[in-house]
Amino acid sequence: MVPLYSYVDKDYSVSHNLTYTDSDHFILRAEATDVIDAESPGRPSVRLISKRQFASHVVVADIRHMPEGCG
C-alpha cells in the first residue's frame, strides 16, 4: 500500500508555503497541488512535535477551519 503522506521538515514546509504566519495567525496548510501516483512517497505533510514530553498538558486552539474526511 502506498503511503498517503510523507512528513517534511521545517525548511520544506516554509519554502513550499505549507506553514507561515499572517498577522497574528499561524497557518498550517495541506499540500494540494501535486498529483500523487502509485510510485510517490505520499503527499507532503507537516507534523507538529514538541521538544519536551509532559505528563499532563492543556492545549488551547482557536481553529477557524478544520478539514474533515478524505482530503
Protein backbone atom coordinates (compact mmCIF):
# COMPACT_ATOMS: atom_id res chain seq x y z
CA MET A 1 0.00 0.00 0.00
CA VAL A 2 1.30 3.45 -0.94
CA PRO A 3 1.55 5.92 2.00
CA LEU A 4 -0.86 8.84 1.73
CA TYR A 5 1.57 11.29 3.32
CA SER A 6 5.26 11.95 3.72
CA TYR A 7 6.30 14.11 6.68
CA VAL A 8 8.51 17.04 5.67
CA ASP A 9 10.86 19.23 7.71
CA LYS A 10 10.53 22.92 8.61
CA ASP A 11 12.60 24.18 5.66
CA TYR A 12 10.49 22.27 3.15
CA SER A 13 7.21 23.37 4.74
CA VAL A 14 8.22 27.05 4.76
CA SER A 15 9.65 27.04 1.22
CA HIS A 16 6.52 25.30 -0.14
CA ASN A 17 4.16 27.60 1.79
CA LEU A 18 2.71 24.79 3.94
CA THR A 19 3.37 26.76 7.14
CA TYR A 20 3.54 30.53 7.58
CA THR A 21 2.40 33.37 9.77
CA ASP A 22 -0.04 36.06 8.71
CA SER A 23 -0.61 39.00 11.07
CA ASP A 24 -1.45 37.24 14.36
CA HIS A 25 -2.25 33.82 12.84
CA PHE A 26 -0.26 30.65 12.31
CA ILE A 27 -1.27 28.91 9.09
CA LEU A 28 -0.80 25.17 8.65
CA ARG A 29 -1.94 24.08 5.19
CA ALA A 30 -2.24 20.85 3.31
CA GLU A 31 -0.31 20.44 0.08
CA ALA A 32 -2.88 20.20 -2.69
CA THR A 33 -1.09 20.81 -5.99
CA ASP A 34 0.91 17.64 -6.65
CA VAL A 35 -0.70 14.61 -8.24
CA ILE A 36 0.04 11.54 -6.16
CA ASP A 37 0.57 8.30 -8.05
CA ALA A 38 1.42 4.74 -7.06
CA GLU A 39 5.19 5.42 -7.18
CA SER A 40 5.00 8.54 -4.99
CA PRO A 41 6.27 8.59 -1.38
CA GLY A 42 3.00 10.32 -0.44
CA ARG A 43 1.60 13.82 -0.14
CA PRO A 44 3.92 16.26 1.71
CA SER A 45 2.54 16.73 5.21
CA VAL A 46 3.55 18.74 8.29
CA ARG A 47 3.73 17.20 11.73
CA LEU A 48 3.93 19.35 14.86
CA ILE A 49 6.10 17.87 17.60
CA SER A 50 7.37 19.06 20.95
CA LYS A 51 10.99 19.05 22.06
CA ARG A 52 9.83 18.06 25.57
CA GLN A 53 7.49 15.44 26.99
CA PHE A 54 4.83 16.29 29.54
CA ALA A 55 2.91 14.09 31.99
CA SER A 56 -0.14 16.35 31.69
CA HIS A 57 -0.97 19.25 29.43
CA VAL A 58 -3.59 21.67 28.21
CA VAL A 59 -3.92 22.77 24.60
CA VAL A 60 -5.99 25.83 23.70
CA ALA A 61 -6.61 26.36 19.99
CA ASP A 62 -8.88 28.74 18.12
CA ILE A 63 -9.33 26.88 14.85
CA ARG A 64 -11.01 28.83 12.07
CA HIS A 65 -11.19 25.98 9.55
CA MET A 66 -10.56 22.26 10.02
CA PRO A 67 -10.93 19.91 7.05
CA GLU A 68 -12.63 16.60 7.71
CA GLY A 69 -13.00 13.32 5.91
CA CYS A 70 -10.93 12.33 2.89
CA GLY A 71 -8.89 15.24 1.60
